[in-house]
Amino acid sequence: MNATEELKVFRPFGPAIGEVNVKDSFVEDLNNYSNKIISDSTKSDKLDVGKELAGQVKQEFEVENDFFNSKIESILTGLIREYIYKSFEKKAITYEVFSKNFKIRYRSKWIVRQFENEYNPLHSHSGNVSGVCYLMLPNDFGSKSQSLKKNNPNGCIALTHGSEQFTSPAIRLIKPTIGKFIFFPNYLLHSVYPFKGEGERRSFSFNADIGN
């Protein structure tokens, strides 16, 4: 099965969330590109977008169009197209017709580098659809502050919508794994918890407009 066939859509609280595990080569390409930018201080400074983003993290830099268009764009567009179509509960047209008329414009795409005690506060994005793919993770996000606590949110992303209601949670907590790609509507509030210990939590994010 290819990645688009494996992409799952679920609705924990209304807005549709997409989730899929991408191929190792997709992650490898993004990590190799990221490492080149990180090692070049001049280019890192030029591509820095930290002042435009919400994250309280070490580094955030833009992904250049040449690399994106050659290595990432076609795969990502296919995943987004699948996510959007599978999000329609009532499908008025076939996937073939939908695909033929599907148009997308990428507003922004960037890499996030997060280290111990850093975090991303509650925020939303621009465009129509956003997503995050995990490229590198620490061996461990650190222990819970209280051992008897049921959950350990360290390093997790929290998707938030509305308020807690009967049979409907307000928060969806997702633990990152390398290669996991999450898709969600731009307006969906989300945050990333800090973690404890050594290592880097690296991810790729994007914002895109969808048209007909």
N, C-alpha and C. Protein backbone atom coordinates (compact mmCIF):
# COMPACT_ATOMS: atom_id res chain seq x y z
N MET A 1 0.84 -1.21 0.00
CA MET A 1 0.00 0.00 0.00
C MET A 1 0.87 1.25 0.00
N ASN A 2 0.42 2.29 -0.71
CA ASN A 2 1.18 3.54 -0.67
C ASN A 2 0.67 4.41 0.47
N ALA A 3 1.37 5.53 0.69
CA ALA A 3 1.07 6.37 1.85
C ALA A 3 -0.34 6.94 1.81
N THR A 4 -0.81 7.32 0.61
CA THR A 4 -2.14 7.93 0.54
C THR A 4 -3.23 6.93 0.88
N GLU A 5 -3.04 5.67 0.50
CA GLU A 5 -4.02 4.64 0.84
C GLU A 5 -4.04 4.37 2.34
N GLU A 6 -2.90 4.57 2.99
CA GLU A 6 -2.80 4.29 4.42
C GLU A 6 -3.23 5.47 5.29
N LEU A 7 -3.39 6.65 4.68
CA LEU A 7 -3.76 7.84 5.46
C LEU A 7 -5.14 7.65 6.08
N LYS A 8 -5.23 7.86 7.39
CA LYS A 8 -6.48 7.70 8.13
C LYS A 8 -6.99 9.07 8.56
N VAL A 9 -8.28 9.24 8.54
CA VAL A 9 -8.91 10.48 9.00
C VAL A 9 -9.83 10.15 10.17
N PHE A 10 -9.71 10.91 11.25
CA PHE A 10 -10.58 10.71 12.40
C PHE A 10 -11.07 12.05 12.92
N ARG A 11 -12.17 12.02 13.65
CA ARG A 11 -12.79 13.24 14.16
C ARG A 11 -12.97 13.11 15.67
N PRO A 12 -11.95 13.43 16.44
CA PRO A 12 -12.05 13.30 17.90
C PRO A 12 -12.99 14.31 18.52
N PHE A 13 -13.22 15.45 17.81
CA PHE A 13 -14.08 16.50 18.38
C PHE A 13 -14.68 17.40 17.31
N GLY A 14 -14.82 16.94 16.09
CA GLY A 14 -15.42 17.74 15.04
C GLY A 14 -14.50 17.88 13.84
N PRO A 15 -13.51 18.79 13.90
CA PRO A 15 -12.59 18.95 12.77
C PRO A 15 -11.87 17.65 12.43
N ALA A 16 -11.70 17.40 11.15
CA ALA A 16 -11.07 16.16 10.71
C ALA A 16 -9.55 16.24 10.86
N ILE A 17 -8.98 15.21 11.46
CA ILE A 17 -7.54 15.09 11.63
C ILE A 17 -7.05 13.94 10.76
N GLY A 18 -6.00 14.18 10.00
CA GLY A 18 -5.41 13.12 9.17
C GLY A 18 -4.10 12.64 9.77
N GLU A 19 -3.81 11.37 9.60
CA GLU A 19 -2.57 10.83 10.15
C GLU A 19 -2.05 9.71 9.25
N VAL A 20 -0.75 9.76 8.97
CA VAL A 20 -0.13 8.74 8.13
C VAL A 20 1.35 8.66 8.48
N ASN A 21 1.96 7.51 8.24
CA ASN A 21 3.39 7.35 8.39
C ASN A 21 4.04 7.40 7.01
N VAL A 22 4.93 8.36 6.81
CA VAL A 22 5.57 8.52 5.51
C VAL A 22 6.78 7.61 5.40
N LYS A 23 7.29 7.47 4.19
CA LYS A 23 8.45 6.61 3.96
C LYS A 23 9.71 7.19 4.59
N ASP A 24 10.65 6.30 4.89
CA ASP A 24 11.91 6.72 5.49
C ASP A 24 12.65 7.72 4.60
N SER A 25 12.54 7.55 3.28
CA SER A 25 13.25 8.43 2.36
C SER A 25 12.76 9.86 2.45
N PHE A 26 11.48 10.05 2.73
CA PHE A 26 10.90 11.39 2.89
C PHE A 26 11.52 12.07 4.10
N VAL A 27 11.61 11.34 5.20
CA VAL A 27 12.22 11.87 6.43
C VAL A 27 13.70 12.12 6.21
N GLU A 28 14.37 11.20 5.55
CA GLU A 28 15.81 11.33 5.31
C GLU A 28 16.13 12.56 4.46
N ASP A 29 15.33 12.79 3.43
CA ASP A 29 15.56 13.96 2.58
C ASP A 29 15.43 15.25 3.38
N LEU A 30 14.41 15.34 4.22
CA LEU A 30 14.21 16.54 5.02
C LEU A 30 15.30 16.72 6.07
N ASN A 31 15.75 15.62 6.66
CA ASN A 31 16.83 15.72 7.65
C ASN A 31 18.16 16.11 7.00
N ASN A 32 18.45 15.54 5.85
CA ASN A 32 19.69 15.89 5.15
C ASN A 32 19.68 17.37 4.77
N TYR A 33 18.54 17.82 4.27
CA TYR A 33 18.42 19.24 3.92
C TYR A 33 18.58 20.11 5.16
N SER A 34 17.91 19.75 6.24
CA SER A 34 17.98 20.51 7.48
C SER A 34 19.41 20.59 8.00
N ASN A 35 20.13 19.48 7.96
CA ASN A 35 21.50 19.46 8.46
C ASN A 35 22.41 20.39 7.65
N LYS A 36 22.15 20.48 6.34
CA LYS A 36 22.93 21.39 5.50
C LYS A 36 22.69 22.85 5.90
N ILE A 37 21.44 23.18 6.16
CA ILE A 37 21.11 24.56 6.56
C ILE A 37 21.70 24.86 7.94
N ILE A 38 21.57 23.92 8.86
CA ILE A 38 22.06 24.11 10.22
C ILE A 38 23.57 24.35 10.23
N SER A 39 24.28 23.66 9.37
CA SER A 39 25.75 23.77 9.34
C SER A 39 26.24 25.04 8.64
N ASP A 40 25.35 25.75 7.99
CA ASP A 40 25.69 26.98 7.26
C ASP A 40 25.07 28.16 8.00
N SER A 41 25.86 28.83 8.83
CA SER A 41 25.32 29.91 9.67
C SER A 41 24.76 31.07 8.85
N THR A 42 25.38 31.36 7.72
CA THR A 42 24.88 32.45 6.87
C THR A 42 23.50 32.13 6.33
N LYS A 43 23.33 30.91 5.83
CA LYS A 43 22.04 30.50 5.28
C LYS A 43 21.01 30.34 6.39
N SER A 44 21.42 29.85 7.55
CA SER A 44 20.49 29.71 8.69
C SER A 44 19.91 31.06 9.07
N ASP A 45 20.76 32.08 9.10
CA ASP A 45 20.29 33.43 9.45
C ASP A 45 19.36 33.97 8.37
N LYS A 46 19.69 33.71 7.12
CA LYS A 46 18.88 34.20 6.01
C LYS A 46 17.48 33.58 6.00
N LEU A 47 17.40 32.30 6.35
CA LEU A 47 16.13 31.57 6.28
C LEU A 47 15.36 31.59 7.60
N ASP A 48 15.91 32.20 8.62
CA ASP A 48 15.27 32.22 9.94
C ASP A 48 13.88 32.86 9.88
N VAL A 49 12.89 32.16 10.45
CA VAL A 49 11.52 32.68 10.49
C VAL A 49 10.97 32.69 11.92
N GLY A 50 11.86 32.56 12.89
CA GLY A 50 11.44 32.49 14.28
C GLY A 50 10.59 33.66 14.73
N LYS A 51 10.90 34.87 14.25
CA LYS A 51 10.17 36.05 14.68
C LYS A 51 8.73 36.06 14.18
N GLU A 52 8.42 35.24 13.18
CA GLU A 52 7.09 35.19 12.60
C GLU A 52 6.24 34.07 13.19
N LEU A 53 6.84 33.21 14.02
CA LEU A 53 6.15 32.02 14.50
C LEU A 53 5.99 32.05 16.01
N ALA A 54 5.12 31.17 16.51
CA ALA A 54 4.77 31.18 17.93
C ALA A 54 5.79 30.45 18.81
N GLY A 55 6.56 29.56 18.24
CA GLY A 55 7.40 28.66 19.03
C GLY A 55 8.45 29.33 19.90
N GLN A 56 8.55 28.86 21.13
CA GLN A 56 9.62 29.25 22.04
C GLN A 56 10.67 28.15 21.98
N VAL A 57 11.35 28.10 20.83
CA VAL A 57 12.27 27.00 20.55
C VAL A 57 13.59 27.54 20.02
N LYS A 58 14.57 26.65 19.90
CA LYS A 58 15.92 27.05 19.52
C LYS A 58 16.00 27.66 18.12
N GLN A 59 15.33 27.00 17.15
CA GLN A 59 15.50 27.44 15.77
C GLN A 59 14.31 27.04 14.91
N GLU A 60 13.91 27.96 14.01
CA GLU A 60 12.87 27.70 13.03
C GLU A 60 13.31 28.35 11.72
N PHE A 61 13.41 27.56 10.65
CA PHE A 61 13.85 28.16 9.40
C PHE A 61 13.01 27.66 8.22
N GLU A 62 12.89 28.54 7.25
CA GLU A 62 12.10 28.28 6.05
C GLU A 62 12.75 27.20 5.19
N VAL A 63 11.92 26.40 4.54
CA VAL A 63 12.39 25.40 3.58
C VAL A 63 12.37 26.05 2.20
N GLU A 64 13.52 26.04 1.53
CA GLU A 64 13.65 26.70 0.24
C GLU A 64 12.84 26.00 -0.85
N ASN A 65 12.37 26.80 -1.82
CA ASN A 65 11.51 26.28 -2.89
C ASN A 65 12.20 25.24 -3.75
N ASP A 66 13.48 25.42 -4.07
CA ASP A 66 14.17 24.47 -4.95
C ASP A 66 14.16 23.06 -4.37
N PHE A 67 14.50 22.96 -3.09
CA PHE A 67 14.48 21.65 -2.44
C PHE A 67 13.05 21.14 -2.31
N PHE A 68 12.15 22.00 -1.84
CA PHE A 68 10.76 21.60 -1.63
C PHE A 68 10.12 21.08 -2.92
N ASN A 69 10.29 21.81 -4.00
CA ASN A 69 9.66 21.43 -5.26
C ASN A 69 10.23 20.15 -5.85
N SER A 70 11.49 19.88 -5.60
CA SER A 70 12.12 18.71 -6.19
C SER A 70 11.95 17.44 -5.35
N LYS A 71 11.84 17.57 -4.03
CA LYS A 71 11.85 16.41 -3.16
C LYS A 71 10.55 16.17 -2.38
N ILE A 72 9.82 17.24 -2.09
CA ILE A 72 8.71 17.13 -1.13
C ILE A 72 7.34 17.39 -1.74
N GLU A 73 7.25 18.35 -2.64
CA GLU A 73 5.96 18.87 -3.09
C GLU A 73 5.00 17.82 -3.63
N SER A 74 5.45 16.97 -4.52
CA SER A 74 4.53 16.00 -5.15
C SER A 74 3.98 15.01 -4.14
N ILE A 75 4.84 14.55 -3.23
CA ILE A 75 4.40 13.60 -2.21
C ILE A 75 3.42 14.27 -1.25
N LEU A 76 3.77 15.47 -0.80
CA LEU A 76 2.92 16.18 0.16
C LEU A 76 1.58 16.55 -0.45
N THR A 77 1.58 16.99 -1.70
CA THR A 77 0.32 17.36 -2.36
C THR A 77 -0.60 16.15 -2.45
N GLY A 78 -0.04 14.99 -2.75
CA GLY A 78 -0.86 13.78 -2.80
C GLY A 78 -1.47 13.44 -1.46
N LEU A 79 -0.71 13.62 -0.38
CA LEU A 79 -1.22 13.33 0.96
C LEU A 79 -2.31 14.32 1.36
N ILE A 80 -2.11 15.58 1.05
CA ILE A 80 -3.12 16.59 1.38
C ILE A 80 -4.39 16.35 0.60
N ARG A 81 -4.26 16.03 -0.67
CA ARG A 81 -5.43 15.73 -1.50
C ARG A 81 -6.23 14.58 -0.91
N GLU A 82 -5.54 13.55 -0.47
CA GLU A 82 -6.20 12.39 0.14
C GLU A 82 -6.87 12.79 1.45
N TYR A 83 -6.18 13.59 2.25
CA TYR A 83 -6.73 14.04 3.53
C TYR A 83 -8.02 14.84 3.33
N ILE A 84 -8.00 15.78 2.38
CA ILE A 84 -9.17 16.61 2.13
C ILE A 84 -10.35 15.76 1.66
N TYR A 85 -10.10 14.86 0.71
CA TYR A 85 -11.19 14.05 0.17
C TYR A 85 -11.78 13.11 1.22
N LYS A 86 -10.91 12.50 2.01
CA LYS A 86 -11.40 11.59 3.04
C LYS A 86 -12.10 12.31 4.18
N SER A 87 -11.90 13.65 4.26
CA SER A 87 -12.55 14.43 5.31
C SER A 87 -14.01 14.72 5.00
N PHE A 88 -14.39 14.60 3.72
CA PHE A 88 -15.78 14.83 3.34
C PHE A 88 -16.63 13.63 3.78
N GLU A 89 -17.56 13.85 4.69
CA GLU A 89 -18.41 12.75 5.13
C GLU A 89 -19.40 12.36 4.03
N LYS A 90 -19.86 13.35 3.27
CA LYS A 90 -20.73 13.10 2.13
C LYS A 90 -19.96 13.50 0.87
N LYS A 91 -19.64 12.53 0.05
CA LYS A 91 -18.82 12.77 -1.13
C LYS A 91 -19.71 12.90 -2.37
N ALA A 92 -19.83 14.15 -2.87
CA ALA A 92 -20.71 14.43 -4.00
C ALA A 92 -20.06 14.08 -5.33
N ILE A 93 -18.74 13.96 -5.36
CA ILE A 93 -18.02 13.63 -6.59
C ILE A 93 -17.04 12.49 -6.33
N THR A 94 -16.60 11.85 -7.39
CA THR A 94 -15.63 10.76 -7.25
C THR A 94 -14.25 11.33 -6.95
N TYR A 95 -13.38 10.46 -6.47
CA TYR A 95 -12.01 10.89 -6.18
C TYR A 95 -11.29 11.33 -7.45
N GLU A 96 -11.59 10.68 -8.56
CA GLU A 96 -10.95 11.02 -9.83
C GLU A 96 -11.31 12.44 -10.25
N VAL A 97 -12.58 12.80 -10.15
CA VAL A 97 -13.01 14.16 -10.50
C VAL A 97 -12.43 15.18 -9.52
N PHE A 98 -12.46 14.83 -8.24
CA PHE A 98 -11.90 15.71 -7.21
C PHE A 98 -10.41 15.96 -7.46
N SER A 99 -9.68 14.91 -7.76
CA SER A 99 -8.23 15.02 -7.99
C SER A 99 -7.92 15.90 -9.19
N LYS A 100 -8.72 15.74 -10.25
CA LYS A 100 -8.50 16.50 -11.48
C LYS A 100 -8.64 17.99 -11.24
N ASN A 101 -9.54 18.38 -10.34
CA ASN A 101 -9.82 19.79 -10.08
C ASN A 101 -9.13 20.34 -8.83
N PHE A 102 -8.36 19.49 -8.17
CA PHE A 102 -7.72 19.88 -6.92
C PHE A 102 -6.58 20.87 -7.18
N LYS A 103 -6.60 21.98 -6.46
CA LYS A 103 -5.55 22.99 -6.58
C LYS A 103 -5.05 23.36 -5.19
N ILE A 104 -3.75 23.59 -5.09
CA ILE A 104 -3.16 23.92 -3.80
C ILE A 104 -2.08 24.98 -3.97
N ARG A 105 -1.98 25.86 -3.01
CA ARG A 105 -0.91 26.86 -3.00
C ARG A 105 -0.27 26.84 -1.63
N TYR A 106 1.02 26.59 -1.60
CA TYR A 106 1.74 26.53 -0.33
C TYR A 106 2.11 27.94 0.13
N ARG A 107 1.63 28.31 1.30
CA ARG A 107 1.94 29.62 1.86
C ARG A 107 3.31 29.64 2.53
N SER A 108 3.58 28.58 3.26
CA SER A 108 4.84 28.52 4.02
C SER A 108 5.17 27.08 4.36
N LYS A 109 6.45 26.82 4.53
CA LYS A 109 6.92 25.50 4.95
C LYS A 109 8.22 25.71 5.68
N TRP A 110 8.36 25.06 6.84
CA TRP A 110 9.51 25.35 7.69
C TRP A 110 9.86 24.17 8.59
N ILE A 111 11.08 24.26 9.13
CA ILE A 111 11.61 23.25 10.06
C ILE A 111 11.62 23.84 11.46
N VAL A 112 11.22 23.03 12.45
CA VAL A 112 11.23 23.44 13.86
C VAL A 112 12.21 22.56 14.62
N ARG A 113 13.13 23.20 15.35
CA ARG A 113 14.08 22.48 16.19
C ARG A 113 13.81 22.82 17.65
N GLN A 114 13.39 21.82 18.41
CA GLN A 114 13.02 22.00 19.81
C GLN A 114 13.93 21.16 20.70
N PHE A 115 14.37 21.79 21.81
CA PHE A 115 15.25 21.11 22.76
C PHE A 115 14.66 21.18 24.17
N GLU A 116 15.37 20.61 25.13
CA GLU A 116 14.88 20.48 26.50
C GLU A 116 14.29 21.79 27.02
N ASN A 117 13.12 21.68 27.65
CA ASN A 117 12.39 22.77 28.30
C ASN A 117 11.80 23.79 27.33
N GLU A 118 11.98 23.62 26.03
CA GLU A 118 11.37 24.52 25.06
C GLU A 118 9.96 24.03 24.72
N TYR A 119 9.16 24.90 24.14
CA TYR A 119 7.76 24.54 23.90
C TYR A 119 7.17 25.41 22.80
N ASN A 120 5.97 25.04 22.36
CA ASN A 120 5.21 25.83 21.41
C ASN A 120 3.88 26.16 22.06
N PRO A 121 3.59 27.43 22.32
CA PRO A 121 2.36 27.79 23.01
C PRO A 121 1.13 27.58 22.13
N LEU A 122 -0.04 27.63 22.73
CA LEU A 122 -1.29 27.43 22.01
C LEU A 122 -1.42 28.47 20.89
N HIS A 123 -1.68 28.00 19.68
CA HIS A 123 -1.76 28.90 18.53
C HIS A 123 -2.50 28.21 17.39
N SER A 124 -2.80 28.98 16.35
CA SER A 124 -3.39 28.45 15.12
C SER A 124 -2.52 28.89 13.95
N HIS A 125 -2.87 28.49 12.73
CA HIS A 125 -2.08 28.80 11.54
C HIS A 125 -2.90 29.58 10.52
N SER A 126 -2.23 29.98 9.44
CA SER A 126 -2.90 30.63 8.32
C SER A 126 -3.21 29.59 7.25
N GLY A 127 -3.87 30.03 6.16
CA GLY A 127 -4.21 29.11 5.08
C GLY A 127 -5.47 28.33 5.38
N ASN A 128 -5.64 27.18 4.73
CA ASN A 128 -6.78 26.30 4.97
C ASN A 128 -6.40 25.01 5.68
N VAL A 129 -5.24 24.49 5.34
CA VAL A 129 -4.80 23.22 5.93
C VAL A 129 -3.34 23.34 6.36
N SER A 130 -3.03 22.70 7.47
CA SER A 130 -1.68 22.70 8.02
C SER A 130 -1.28 21.28 8.36
N GLY A 131 0.00 21.10 8.67
CA GLY A 131 0.44 19.77 9.05
C GLY A 131 1.82 19.78 9.67
N VAL A 132 2.14 18.67 10.32
CA VAL A 132 3.46 18.52 10.93
C VAL A 132 3.93 17.08 10.75
N CYS A 133 5.20 16.94 10.38
CA CYS A 133 5.81 15.62 10.22
C CYS A 133 7.05 15.56 11.10
N TYR A 134 7.21 14.47 11.84
CA TYR A 134 8.31 14.35 12.81
C TYR A 134 9.52 13.70 12.16
N LEU A 135 10.67 14.40 12.25
CA LEU A 135 11.89 14.00 11.56
C LEU A 135 12.95 13.43 12.49
N MET A 136 13.00 13.92 13.73
CA MET A 136 14.03 13.51 14.69
C MET A 136 13.45 13.67 16.09
N LEU A 137 13.73 12.69 16.95
CA LEU A 137 13.18 12.74 18.30
C LEU A 137 14.23 12.27 19.31
N PRO A 138 14.16 12.79 20.55
CA PRO A 138 15.05 12.28 21.59
C PRO A 138 14.76 10.81 21.87
N ASN A 139 15.70 10.12 22.46
CA ASN A 139 15.45 8.73 22.84
C ASN A 139 14.34 8.62 23.87
N ASP A 140 14.19 9.69 24.67
CA ASP A 140 13.20 9.69 25.75
C ASP A 140 12.76 11.13 26.00
N PHE A 141 11.48 11.34 26.25
CA PHE A 141 10.97 12.69 26.53
C PHE A 141 11.06 13.04 28.01
N GLY A 142 11.57 12.14 28.81
CA GLY A 142 11.72 12.42 30.24
C GLY A 142 10.56 11.87 31.05
N SER A 143 10.80 11.66 32.32
CA SER A 143 9.80 11.06 33.21
C SER A 143 8.74 12.07 33.62
N LYS A 144 7.62 11.54 34.10
CA LYS A 144 6.54 12.36 34.64
C LYS A 144 6.99 13.01 35.94
N SER A 145 6.46 14.19 36.23
CA SER A 145 6.81 14.86 37.48
C SER A 145 6.27 14.09 38.68
N GLN A 146 5.12 13.42 38.49
CA GLN A 146 4.55 12.57 39.54
C GLN A 146 4.35 11.18 38.94
N SER A 147 4.95 10.20 39.55
CA SER A 147 4.95 8.86 38.98
C SER A 147 3.56 8.25 38.86
N LEU A 148 2.62 8.69 39.70
CA LEU A 148 1.28 8.11 39.68
C LEU A 148 0.36 8.74 38.63
N LYS A 149 0.83 9.80 37.98
CA LYS A 149 0.03 10.40 36.93
C LYS A 149 -0.21 9.38 35.81
N LYS A 150 -1.42 9.39 35.25
CA LYS A 150 -1.77 8.42 34.21
C LYS A 150 -1.04 8.71 32.91
N ASN A 151 -1.00 9.99 32.50
CA ASN A 151 -0.41 10.35 31.22
C ASN A 151 0.89 11.12 31.39
N ASN A 152 1.73 11.03 30.38
CA ASN A 152 2.96 11.81 30.33
C ASN A 152 2.95 12.61 29.03
N PRO A 153 2.58 13.90 29.09
CA PRO A 153 2.46 14.70 27.86
C PRO A 153 3.78 15.26 27.36
N ASN A 154 4.89 14.98 28.03
CA ASN A 154 6.18 15.54 27.63
C ASN A 154 6.43 15.34 26.13
N GLY A 155 6.72 16.43 25.41
CA GLY A 155 7.05 16.34 23.99
C GLY A 155 5.90 16.07 23.06
N CYS A 156 4.69 15.93 23.60
CA CYS A 156 3.52 15.62 22.77
C CYS A 156 2.91 16.89 22.17
N ILE A 157 2.17 16.72 21.09
CA ILE A 157 1.37 17.80 20.53
C ILE A 157 -0.06 17.63 21.03
N ALA A 158 -0.68 18.75 21.42
CA ALA A 158 -2.06 18.73 21.89
C ALA A 158 -2.92 19.52 20.91
N LEU A 159 -3.89 18.85 20.29
CA LEU A 159 -4.85 19.50 19.40
C LEU A 159 -6.09 19.84 20.22
N THR A 160 -6.57 21.08 20.13
CA THR A 160 -7.62 21.56 21.02
C THR A 160 -8.76 22.18 20.23
N HIS A 161 -9.99 21.81 20.59
CA HIS A 161 -11.15 22.39 19.90
C HIS A 161 -12.37 22.41 20.82
N GLY A 162 -13.02 23.57 20.93
CA GLY A 162 -14.25 23.67 21.70
C GLY A 162 -14.03 23.46 23.18
N SER A 163 -15.02 22.86 23.81
CA SER A 163 -14.97 22.59 25.24
C SER A 163 -15.37 21.14 25.50
N GLU A 164 -14.95 20.63 26.62
CA GLU A 164 -15.27 19.25 27.00
C GLU A 164 -16.78 19.06 27.10
N GLN A 165 -17.29 18.03 26.43
CA GLN A 165 -18.71 17.71 26.47
C GLN A 165 -18.88 16.20 26.60
N PHE A 166 -20.09 15.78 26.90
CA PHE A 166 -20.38 14.36 27.03
C PHE A 166 -20.05 13.65 25.73
N THR A 167 -19.22 12.64 25.77
CA THR A 167 -18.73 11.83 24.64
C THR A 167 -17.84 12.62 23.67
N SER A 168 -17.50 13.86 24.00
CA SER A 168 -16.69 14.66 23.08
C SER A 168 -15.58 15.37 23.83
N PRO A 169 -14.34 14.92 23.71
CA PRO A 169 -13.22 15.57 24.39
C PRO A 169 -12.88 16.89 23.73
N ALA A 170 -12.17 17.73 24.42
CA ALA A 170 -11.72 19.01 23.86
C ALA A 170 -10.27 18.96 23.42
N ILE A 171 -9.54 17.96 23.87
CA ILE A 171 -8.11 17.87 23.58
C ILE A 171 -7.76 16.48 23.05
N ARG A 172 -6.98 16.45 22.00
CA ARG A 172 -6.43 15.20 21.47
C ARG A 172 -4.92 15.27 21.63
N LEU A 173 -4.38 14.42 22.46
CA LEU A 173 -2.94 14.38 22.72
C LEU A 173 -2.30 13.32 21.82
N ILE A 174 -1.29 13.71 21.05
CA ILE A 174 -0.63 12.78 20.13
C ILE A 174 0.86 12.73 20.43
N LYS A 175 1.37 11.53 20.66
CA LYS A 175 2.80 11.35 20.89
C LYS A 175 3.52 11.21 19.56
N PRO A 176 4.54 12.01 19.30
CA PRO A 176 5.26 11.94 18.03
C PRO A 176 6.02 10.62 17.88
N THR A 177 6.10 10.15 16.66
CA THR A 177 7.02 9.09 16.27
C THR A 177 7.64 9.52 14.95
N ILE A 178 8.85 9.11 14.69
CA ILE A 178 9.54 9.54 13.48
C ILE A 178 8.78 9.04 12.25
N GLY A 179 8.48 9.97 11.34
CA GLY A 179 7.75 9.65 10.12
C GLY A 179 6.26 9.86 10.22
N LYS A 180 5.75 10.11 11.41
CA LYS A 180 4.31 10.37 11.54
C LYS A 180 4.00 11.76 11.01
N PHE A 181 2.98 11.85 10.15
CA PHE A 181 2.55 13.12 9.57
C PHE A 181 1.11 13.36 9.98
N ILE A 182 0.85 14.50 10.59
CA ILE A 182 -0.49 14.86 11.05
C ILE A 182 -0.99 16.04 10.23
N PHE A 183 -2.24 15.97 9.76
CA PHE A 183 -2.87 17.04 8.99
C PHE A 183 -4.09 17.55 9.75
N PHE A 184 -4.31 18.87 9.70
CA PHE A 184 -5.45 19.44 10.41
C PHE A 184 -5.83 20.79 9.80
N PRO A 185 -7.08 21.26 10.04
CA PRO A 185 -7.48 22.57 9.53
C PRO A 185 -6.65 23.67 10.18
N ASN A 186 -6.40 24.73 9.45
CA ASN A 186 -5.52 25.80 9.93
C ASN A 186 -5.99 26.41 11.25
N TYR A 187 -7.32 26.46 11.46
CA TYR A 187 -7.87 27.14 12.64
C TYR A 187 -7.77 26.32 13.92
N LEU A 188 -7.43 25.05 13.78
CA LEU A 188 -7.41 24.19 14.96
C LEU A 188 -6.28 24.59 15.90
N LEU A 189 -6.64 24.97 17.11
CA LEU A 189 -5.64 25.37 18.09
C LEU A 189 -4.79 24.15 18.49
N HIS A 190 -3.50 24.39 18.67
CA HIS A 190 -2.61 23.30 19.05
C HIS A 190 -1.40 23.87 19.78
N SER A 191 -0.78 23.01 20.56
CA SER A 191 0.41 23.40 21.31
C SER A 191 1.31 22.18 21.44
N VAL A 192 2.58 22.44 21.78
CA VAL A 192 3.55 21.37 21.98
C VAL A 192 4.16 21.52 23.37
N TYR A 193 4.12 20.44 24.15
CA TYR A 193 4.65 20.47 25.51
C TYR A 193 6.18 20.34 25.51
N PRO A 194 6.83 20.92 26.50
CA PRO A 194 8.28 20.74 26.62
C PRO A 194 8.62 19.31 27.02
N PHE A 195 9.87 18.95 26.85
CA PHE A 195 10.32 17.63 27.29
C PHE A 195 11.57 17.80 28.14
N LYS A 196 11.98 16.72 28.79
CA LYS A 196 13.16 16.74 29.66
C LYS A 196 14.25 15.86 29.06
N GLY A 197 15.49 16.32 29.18
CA GLY A 197 16.60 15.48 28.76
C GLY A 197 17.24 15.93 27.47
N GLU A 198 18.23 15.16 27.04
CA GLU A 198 19.01 15.49 25.86
C GLU A 198 18.28 15.09 24.59
N GLY A 199 18.77 15.67 23.49
CA GLY A 199 18.22 15.30 22.19
C GLY A 199 17.42 16.42 21.56
N GLU A 200 17.11 16.22 20.28
CA GLU A 200 16.38 17.20 19.48
C GLU A 200 15.04 16.64 19.02
N ARG A 201 14.03 17.46 19.14
CA ARG A 201 12.70 17.15 18.60
C ARG A 201 12.56 18.01 17.34
N ARG A 202 12.74 17.40 16.18
CA ARG A 202 12.74 18.14 14.92
C ARG A 202 11.51 17.79 14.09
N SER A 203 10.90 18.80 13.49
CA SER A 203 9.69 18.56 12.70
C SER A 203 9.63 19.49 11.49
N PHE A 204 8.85 19.07 10.51
CA PHE A 204 8.56 19.86 9.31
C PHE A 204 7.11 20.27 9.36
N SER A 205 6.82 21.55 9.09
CA SER A 205 5.44 22.04 9.10
C SER A 205 5.15 22.82 7.83
N PHE A 206 3.88 22.96 7.52
CA PHE A 206 3.48 23.74 6.35
C PHE A 206 2.09 24.37 6.58
N ASN A 207 1.79 25.40 5.79
CA ASN A 207 0.47 25.99 5.68
C ASN A 207 0.13 26.06 4.20
N ALA A 208 -1.10 25.74 3.83
CA ALA A 208 -1.47 25.76 2.41
C ALA A 208 -2.91 26.21 2.22
N ASP A 209 -3.16 26.84 1.08
CA ASP A 209 -4.51 27.20 0.65
C ASP A 209 -5.02 26.16 -0.32
N ILE A 210 -6.28 25.82 -0.19
CA ILE A 210 -6.91 24.84 -1.09
C ILE A 210 -7.93 25.57 -1.95
N GLY A 211 -7.90 25.30 -3.28
CA GLY A 211 -8.85 25.93 -4.20
C GLY A 211 -9.48 24.92 -5.12
N ASN A 212 -10.36 25.39 -5.99
CA ASN A 212 -11.04 24.51 -6.94
C ASN A 212 -10.52 24.77 -8.36
